[in-house]
C-alpha atoms as a PDB file:
ATOM      1  CA  UNK A   1      15.725  78.024 150.364  1.00  0.00           C
ATOM      2  CA  UNK A   2      17.041  75.526 148.158  1.00  0.00           C
ATOM      3  CA  UNK A   3      21.319  74.995 149.236  1.00  0.00           C
ATOM      4  CA  UNK A   4      23.347  75.090 146.155  1.00  0.00           C
ATOM      5  CA  UNK A   5      25.143  72.556 144.343  1.00  0.00           C
ATOM      6  CA  UNK A   6      28.657  72.052 146.144  1.00  0.00           C
ATOM      7  CA  UNK A   7      32.261  70.591 144.943  1.00  0.00           C
ATOM      8  CA  UNK A   8      35.537  69.732 146.022  1.00  0.00           C
ATOM      9  CA  UNK A   9      38.374  69.580 144.114  1.00  0.00           C
ATOM     10  CA  UNK A  10      41.139  68.200 144.787  1.00  0.00           C
ATOM     11  CA  UNK A  11      43.786  68.691 143.076  1.00  0.00           C
ATOM     12  CA  UNK A  12      48.329  69.078 142.883  1.00  0.00           C
ATOM     13  CA  UNK A  13      49.770  71.337 140.944  1.00  0.00           C
ATOM     14  CA  UNK A  14      51.568  68.224 138.949  1.00  0.00           C
ATOM     15  CA  UNK A  15      48.370  67.279 137.249  1.00  0.00           C
ATOM     16  CA  UNK A  16      47.581  68.712 133.886  1.00  0.00           C
ATOM     17  CA  UNK A  17      43.803  67.562 133.583  1.00  0.00           C
ATOM     18  CA  UNK A  18      43.530  68.359 137.276  1.00  0.00           C
ATOM     19  CA  UNK A  19      44.780  72.839 136.167  1.00  0.00           C
ATOM     20  CA  UNK A  20      42.532  71.952 133.945  1.00  0.00           C
ATOM     21  CA  UNK A  21      39.574  70.913 136.038  1.00  0.00           C
ATOM     22  CA  UNK A  22      40.388  73.887 137.875  1.00  0.00           C
ATOM     23  CA  UNK A  23      40.951  76.524 135.290  1.00  0.00           C
ATOM     24  CA  UNK A  24      37.145  75.412 133.887  1.00  0.00           C
ATOM     25  CA  UNK A  25      35.671  75.180 136.882  1.00  0.00           C
ATOM     26  CA  UNK A  26      37.239  79.524 138.313  1.00  0.00           C
ATOM     27  CA  UNK A  27      36.181  80.028 134.699  1.00  0.00           C
ATOM     28  CA  UNK A  28      33.008  78.991 133.016  1.00  0.00           C
ATOM     29  CA  UNK A  29      29.588  80.430 134.252  1.00  0.00           C
ATOM     30  CA  UNK A  30      28.128  77.036 134.066  1.00  0.00           C
ATOM     31  CA  UNK A  31      29.896  76.885 137.805  1.00  0.00           C
ATOM     32  CA  UNK A  32      28.442  80.731 138.736  1.00  0.00           C
ATOM     33  CA  UNK A  33      26.061  79.162 141.165  1.00  0.00           C
ATOM     34  CA  UNK A  34      28.483  76.500 142.841  1.00  0.00           C
ATOM     35  CA  UNK A  35      30.145  76.377 145.882  1.00  0.00           C
ATOM     36  CA  UNK A  36      33.061  75.255 145.206  1.00  0.00           C
ATOM     37  CA  UNK A  37      35.936  74.422 147.782  1.00  0.00           C
ATOM     38  CA  UNK A  38      39.892  73.609 146.178  1.00  0.00           C
ATOM     39  CA  UNK A  39      41.893  70.938 148.471  1.00  0.00           C
ATOM     40  CA  UNK A  40      45.324  70.696 147.887  1.00  0.00           C
ATOM     41  CA  UNK A  41      46.500  66.805 148.506  1.00  0.00           C
ATOM     42  CA  UNK A  42      50.025  65.245 147.576  1.00  0.00           C
ATOM     43  CA  UNK A  43      49.108  63.336 144.476  1.00  0.00           C
ATOM     44  CA  UNK A  44      52.286  60.980 144.924  1.00  0.00           C
ATOM     45  CA  UNK A  45      51.099  59.804 148.826  1.00  0.00           C
ATOM     46  CA  UNK A  46      47.535  59.040 147.080  1.00  0.00           C
ATOM     47  CA  UNK A  47      49.474  57.316 144.381  1.00  0.00           C
ATOM     48  CA  UNK A  48      50.410  55.083 147.372  1.00  0.00           C
ATOM     49  CA  UNK A  49      47.130  54.602 149.041  1.00  0.00           C
ATOM     50  CA  UNK A  50      45.828  53.268 145.946  1.00  0.00           C
ATOM     51  CA  UNK A  51      49.190  50.770 144.620  1.00  0.00           C
ATOM     52  CA  UNK A  52      48.261  53.354 141.423  1.00  0.00           C
ATOM     53  CA  UNK A  53      51.431  53.353 139.083  1.00  0.00           C
ATOM     54  CA  UNK A  54      51.638  56.807 138.426  1.00  0.00           C
ATOM     55  CA  UNK A  55      50.100  57.143 134.691  1.00  0.00           C
ATOM     56  CA  UNK A  56      54.081  58.339 133.141  1.00  0.00           C
ATOM     57  CA  UNK A  57      55.381  55.162 133.538  1.00  0.00           C
ATOM     58  CA  UNK A  58      53.180  53.385 131.843  1.00  0.00           C
ATOM     59  CA  UNK A  59      54.208  52.545 128.945  1.00  0.00           C
ATOM     60  CA  UNK A  60      52.186  54.989 125.652  1.00  0.00           C
ATOM     61  CA  UNK A  61      50.190  56.380 128.157  1.00  0.00           C
ATOM     62  CA  UNK A  62      52.804  58.868 128.789  1.00  0.00           C
ATOM     63  CA  UNK A  63      52.187  60.235 125.248  1.00  0.00           C
ATOM     64  CA  UNK A  64      48.721  59.735 125.393  1.00  0.00           C
ATOM     65  CA  UNK A  65      48.580  61.624 128.318  1.00  0.00           C
ATOM     66  CA  UNK A  66      50.489  64.625 126.799  1.00  0.00           C
ATOM     67  CA  UNK A  67      48.334  64.615 123.153  1.00  0.00           C
ATOM     68  CA  UNK A  68      45.178  64.089 125.496  1.00  0.00           C
ATOM     69  CA  UNK A  69      45.908  66.881 127.835  1.00  0.00           C
ATOM     70  CA  UNK A  70      46.454  69.428 124.625  1.00  0.00           C
ATOM     71  CA  UNK A  71      42.690  68.422 123.253  1.00  0.00           C
ATOM     72  CA  UNK A  72      41.253  69.614 126.211  1.00  0.00           C
ATOM     73  CA  UNK A  73      43.020  72.979 127.268  1.00  0.00           C
ATOM     74  CA  UNK A  74      41.777  73.324 123.144  1.00  0.00           C
ATOM     75  CA  UNK A  75      38.472  72.335 123.372  1.00  0.00           C
ATOM     76  CA  UNK A  76      37.806  74.610 126.897  1.00  0.00           C
ATOM     77  CA  UNK A  77      40.800  77.727 125.739  1.00  0.00           C
ATOM     78  CA  UNK A  78      43.168  76.747 128.854  1.00  0.00           C
ATOM     79  CA  UNK A  79      45.908  78.286 128.843  1.00  0.00           C
ATOM     80  CA  UNK A  80      48.985  75.521 128.817  1.00  0.00           C
ATOM     81  CA  UNK A  81      52.308  75.114 127.146  1.00  0.00           C
ATOM     82  CA  UNK A  82      52.495  72.802 124.449  1.00  0.00           C
ATOM     83  CA  UNK A  83      55.738  70.964 125.784  1.00  0.00           C
ATOM     84  CA  UNK A  84      55.878  69.697 129.207  1.00  0.00           C
ATOM     85  CA  UNK A  85      57.626  71.771 131.593  1.00  0.00           C
ATOM     86  CA  UNK A  86      61.409  70.748 132.453  1.00  0.00           C
ATOM     87  CA  UNK A  87      61.877  68.226 135.214  1.00  0.00           C
ATOM     88  CA  UNK A  88      58.595  66.806 134.070  1.00  0.00           C
ATOM     89  CA  UNK A  89      57.237  65.550 136.472  1.00  0.00           C
ATOM     90  CA  UNK A  90      58.746  67.244 139.148  1.00  0.00           C
ATOM     91  CA  UNK A  91      58.071  67.066 143.488  1.00  0.00           C
ATOM     92  CA  UNK A  92      55.661  69.101 143.833  1.00  0.00           C
ATOM     93  CA  UNK A  93      55.652  68.201 147.612  1.00  0.00           C
ATOM     94  CA  UNK A  94      56.933  71.260 149.107  1.00  0.00           C
ATOM     95  CA  UNK A  95      54.739  73.989 146.853  1.00  0.00           C
ATOM     96  CA  UNK A  96      51.404  71.337 147.872  1.00  0.00           C
ATOM     97  CA  UNK A  97      52.177  72.158 151.713  1.00  0.00           C
ATOM     98  CA  UNK A  98      52.160  75.738 151.365  1.00  0.00           C
ATOM     99  CA  UNK A  99      48.705  75.607 150.041  1.00  0.00           C
ATOM    100  CA  UNK A 100      47.747  73.193 152.665  1.00  0.00           C
ATOM    101  CA  UNK A 101      49.637  75.281 155.160  1.00  0.00           C
ATOM    102  CA  UNK A 102      47.371  78.517 153.856  1.00  0.00           C
ATOM    103  CA  UNK A 103      44.354  76.675 153.616  1.00  0.00           C
ATOM    104  CA  UNK A 104      44.607  75.850 157.149  1.00  0.00           C
ATOM    105  CA  UNK A 105      45.617  79.298 157.681  1.00  0.00           C
ATOM    106  CA  UNK A 106      41.870  81.817 158.251  1.00  0.00           C
ATOM    107  CA  UNK A 107      38.504  81.934 157.757  1.00  0.00           C
ATOM    108  CA  UNK A 108      39.841  83.577 154.710  1.00  0.00           C
ATOM    109  CA  UNK A 109      41.928  80.747 153.277  1.00  0.00           C
ATOM    110  CA  UNK A 110      40.148  79.747 150.615  1.00  0.00           C
ATOM    111  CA  UNK A 111      40.106  83.079 149.249  1.00  0.00           C
ATOM    112  CA  UNK A 112      43.639  83.317 149.545  1.00  0.00           C
ATOM    113  CA  UNK A 113      44.016  79.187 148.619  1.00  0.00           C
ATOM    114  CA  UNK A 114      43.004  80.451 145.017  1.00  0.00           C
ATOM    115  CA  UNK A 115      44.476  83.544 144.808  1.00  0.00           C
ATOM    116  CA  UNK A 116      47.924  81.042 145.018  1.00  0.00           C
ATOM    117  CA  UNK A 117      46.920  78.589 142.995  1.00  0.00           C
ATOM    118  CA  UNK A 118      45.878  80.721 140.246  1.00  0.00           C
ATOM    119  CA  UNK A 119      49.547  82.335 140.067  1.00  0.00           C
ATOM    120  CA  UNK A 120      51.257  79.116 140.427  1.00  0.00           C
ATOM    121  CA  UNK A 121      49.035  77.019 137.794  1.00  0.00           C
ATOM    122  CA  UNK A 122      50.286  80.329 135.448  1.00  0.00           C
ATOM    123  CA  UNK A 123      53.460  80.022 136.495  1.00  0.00           C
ATOM    124  CA  UNK A 124      53.667  76.079 135.772  1.00  0.00           C
ATOM    125  CA  UNK A 125      50.956  75.279 133.534  1.00  0.00           C
ATOM    126  CA  UNK A 126      50.714  78.173 131.005  1.00  0.00           C
ATOM    127  CA  UNK A 127      54.632  79.662 131.424  1.00  0.00           C
ATOM    128  CA  UNK A 128      56.221  76.465 132.135  1.00  0.00           C
ATOM    129  CA  UNK A 129      58.088  77.671 135.144  1.00  0.00           C
ATOM    130  CA  UNK A 130      59.667  75.403 137.734  1.00  0.00           C
ATOM    131  CA  UNK A 131      57.581  76.279 140.692  1.00  0.00           C
ATOM    132  CA  UNK A 132      59.042  73.990 142.252  1.00  0.00           C
ATOM    133  CA  UNK A 133      62.938  75.435 142.466  1.00  0.00           C
ATOM    134  CA  UNK A 134      62.300  77.136 145.801  1.00  0.00           C
ATOM    135  CA  UNK A 135      63.616  80.953 144.906  1.00  0.00           C
ATOM    136  CA  UNK A 136      60.787  80.429 142.223  1.00  0.00           C
ATOM    137  CA  UNK A 137      58.214  79.515 144.358  1.00  0.00           C
ATOM    138  CA  UNK A 138      59.207  82.189 146.576  1.00  0.00           C
ATOM    139  CA  UNK A 139      58.655  85.032 143.387  1.00  0.00           C
ATOM    140  CA  UNK A 140      55.452  83.455 143.153  1.00  0.00           C
ATOM    141  CA  UNK A 141      54.357  83.284 146.087  1.00  0.00           C
ATOM    142  CA  UNK A 142      55.523  86.632 146.795  1.00  0.00           C
ATOM    143  CA  UNK A 143      53.622  87.859 143.496  1.00  0.00           C
ATOM    144  CA  UNK A 144      50.467  86.303 144.770  1.00  0.00           C
ATOM    145  CA  UNK A 145      49.907  86.902 147.982  1.00  0.00           C
ATOM    146  CA  UNK A 146      51.148  90.398 149.027  1.00  0.00           C
ATOM    147  CA  UNK A 147      55.005  90.347 149.267  1.00  0.00           C
ATOM    148  CA  UNK A 148      58.254  88.950 150.302  1.00  0.00           C
ATOM    149  CA  UNK A 149      56.948  88.679 154.075  1.00  0.00           C
ATOM    150  CA  UNK A 150      53.717  87.053 153.143  1.00  0.00           C
ATOM    151  CA  UNK A 151      55.212  84.422 151.206  1.00  0.00           C
ATOM    152  CA  UNK A 152      58.492  83.659 153.791  1.00  0.00           C
ATOM    153  CA  UNK A 153      55.379  83.523 156.377  1.00  0.00           C
ATOM    154  CA  UNK A 154      53.518  81.272 154.389  1.00  0.00           C
ATOM    155  CA  UNK A 155      57.014  79.031 152.946  1.00  0.00           C
ATOM    156  CA  UNK A 156      57.624  79.007 156.923  1.00  0.00           C
ATOM    157  CA  UNK A 157      54.382  77.245 158.071  1.00  0.00           C
ATOM    158  CA  UNK A 158      54.986  74.602 155.571  1.00  0.00           C
ATOM    159  CA  UNK A 159      57.558  73.315 157.437  1.00  0.00           C
ATOM    160  CA  UNK A 160      55.849  72.697 160.047  1.00  0.00           C
ATOM    161  CA  UNK A 161      54.574  69.254 161.579  1.00  0.00           C
ATOM    162  CA  UNK A 162      51.010  71.104 161.897  1.00  0.00           C
ATOM    163  CA  UNK A 163      51.271  71.734 157.886  1.00  0.00           C
ATOM    164  CA  UNK A 164      52.615  68.598 157.015  1.00  0.00           C
ATOM    165  CA  UNK A 165      50.057  67.025 158.740  1.00  0.00           C
ATOM    166  CA  UNK A 166      47.313  68.573 157.324  1.00  0.00           C
ATOM    167  CA  UNK A 167      48.649  68.134 154.314  1.00  0.00           C
ATOM    168  CA  UNK A 168      48.790  63.905 155.217  1.00  0.00           C
ATOM    169  CA  UNK A 169      44.724  64.304 156.276  1.00  0.00           C
ATOM    170  CA  UNK A 170      43.767  66.728 152.816  1.00  0.00           C
ATOM    171  CA  UNK A 171      45.228  63.588 151.176  1.00  0.00           C
ATOM    172  CA  UNK A 172      43.294  61.056 153.272  1.00  0.00           C
ATOM    173  CA  UNK A 173      40.173  62.538 153.159  1.00  0.00           C
ATOM    174  CA  UNK A 174      40.277  63.002 148.975  1.00  0.00           C
ATOM    175  CA  UNK A 175      41.246  58.624 149.758  1.00  0.00           C
ATOM    176  CA  UNK A 176      37.902  57.996 151.844  1.00  0.00           C
ATOM    177  CA  UNK A 177      36.048  59.334 149.468  1.00  0.00           C
ATOM    178  CA  UNK A 178      37.188  57.328 146.549  1.00  0.00           C
ATOM    179  CA  UNK A 179      39.611  59.264 144.724  1.00  0.00           C
ATOM    180  CA  UNK A 180      42.519  57.175 143.053  1.00  0.00           C
ATOM    181  CA  UNK A 181      43.812  59.918 140.695  1.00  0.00           C
ATOM    182  CA  UNK A 182      43.259  63.808 139.697  1.00  0.00           C
ATOM    183  CA  UNK A 183      41.555  65.438 139.726  1.00  0.00           C
ATOM    184  CA  UNK A 184      39.236  64.695 141.892  1.00  0.00           C
ATOM    185  CA  UNK A 185      34.816  65.829 142.046  1.00  0.00           C
ATOM    186  CA  UNK A 186      33.463  65.065 145.300  1.00  0.00           C
ATOM    187  CA  UNK A 187      29.947  66.761 144.850  1.00  0.00           C
ATOM    188  CA  UNK A 188      26.881  67.650 146.298  1.00  0.00           C
ATOM    189  CA  UNK A 189      23.462  68.621 144.166  1.00  0.00           C
ATOM    190  CA  UNK A 190      20.233  70.090 146.083  1.00  0.00           C
ATOM    191  CA  UNK A 191      18.710  66.597 146.938  1.00  0.00           C
ATOM    192  CA  UNK A 192      21.452  66.318 148.962  1.00  0.00           C
ATOM    193  CA  UNK A 193      22.704  63.458 147.005  1.00  0.00           C
ATOM    194  CA  UNK A 194      26.860  63.056 147.429  1.00  0.00           C
ATOM    195  CA  UNK A 195      29.481  61.489 144.684  1.00  0.00           C
ATOM    196  CA  UNK A 196      32.303  61.911 143.472  1.00  0.00           C
ATOM    197  CA  UNK A 197      34.038  62.193 139.548  1.00  0.00           C
ATOM    198  CA  UNK A 198      37.787  61.714 138.147  1.00  0.00           C
ATOM    199  CA  UNK A 199      38.795  63.571 135.103  1.00  0.00           C
ATOM    200  CA  UNK A 200      37.957  66.450 133.319  1.00  0.00           C
ATOM    201  CA  UNK A 201      36.962  64.351 131.116  1.00  0.00           C
ATOM    202  CA  UNK A 202      34.127  63.742 133.206  1.00  0.00           C
ATOM    203  CA  UNK A 203      32.787  67.226 133.859  1.00  0.00           C
ATOM    204  CA  UNK A 204      29.711  66.941 131.668  1.00  0.00           C
ATOM    205  CA  UNK A 205      28.949  63.422 134.476  1.00  0.00           C
ATOM    206  CA  UNK A 206      29.523  66.646 137.196  1.00  0.00           C
ATOM    207  CA  UNK A 207      26.801  68.851 135.258  1.00  0.00           C
ATOM    208  CA  UNK A 208      24.107  66.266 134.764  1.00  0.00           C
ATOM    209  CA  UNK A 209      24.564  65.585 138.276  1.00  0.00           C
ATOM    210  CA  UNK A 210      24.382  68.515 139.490  1.00  0.00           C
ATOM    211  CA  UNK A 211      21.631  69.958 137.257  1.00  0.00           C
ATOM    212  CA  UNK A 212      23.370  72.833 135.593  1.00  0.00           C
ATOM    213  CA  UNK A 213      21.985  75.333 133.610  1.00  0.00           C
ATOM    214  CA  UNK A 214      24.288  73.792 130.112  1.00  0.00           C
ATOM    215  CA  UNK A 215      23.554  76.995 128.573  1.00  0.00           C
ATOM    216  CA  UNK A 216      25.132  79.604 131.118  1.00  0.00           C
ATOM    217  CA  UNK A 217      28.145  78.582 129.235  1.00  0.00           C
ATOM    218  CA  UNK A 218      29.135  80.347 125.881  1.00  0.00           C
ATOM    219  CA  UNK A 219      32.247  77.156 125.364  1.00  0.00           C
ATOM    220  CA  UNK A 220      32.120  75.260 122.761  1.00  0.00           C
ATOM    221  CA  UNK A 221      34.449  72.414 124.947  1.00  0.00           C
ATOM    222  CA  UNK A 222      30.807  70.798 126.335  1.00  0.00           C
ATOM    223  CA  UNK A 223      30.256  69.328 123.234  1.00  0.00           C
ATOM    224  CA  UNK A 224      33.087  66.971 124.330  1.00  0.00           C
ATOM    225  CA  UNK A 225      31.299  66.277 126.842  1.00  0.00           C
ATOM    226  CA  UNK A 226      27.868  66.300 126.870  1.00  0.00           C
END
């Protein structure tokens, strides 16, 4: 039996391009037969490991990023706020620790990670809500994980040394696989070959490497990358 192609998507809620990549992988039929794993990391930690300058601190690139995120959102029909969320970029370390804790929690962790990511991404990038504020984070988690008790449980776990270390390990793993920014895709095709790809603008290369059926998607956005 031929194995399914696989994608590990490393992400941080602070990155608009990681959000767009996540939304496309979650919703586009072209990826319906791909095993996808979503792994939360801390982008700030990755940038430090790479001695990389945050894009928003590079003159002219900070303006270009805002235009570019809207281009890709429009191309792939990704809901996103026109203006950057307030106080951008926020410190998403607490949010990412919550996600790392959910990911490490059980055998059903991916379904819970997806539920949390769906809600957090919608709140932050589609609605512009400050998910980095404790009350807002708790509210979003409660709505996506089954109530306030569940939210408080993952928020408490996020403060433990074990979960903090999990996020560090996830970030280290992304770095070891070649990541220097987000979104980062580690992809394995049906031949067992593995390669890494960076950026939502390289999704076309991901599709080609995995030999996915371009006709499976009715989204015209693929004309931008294929």
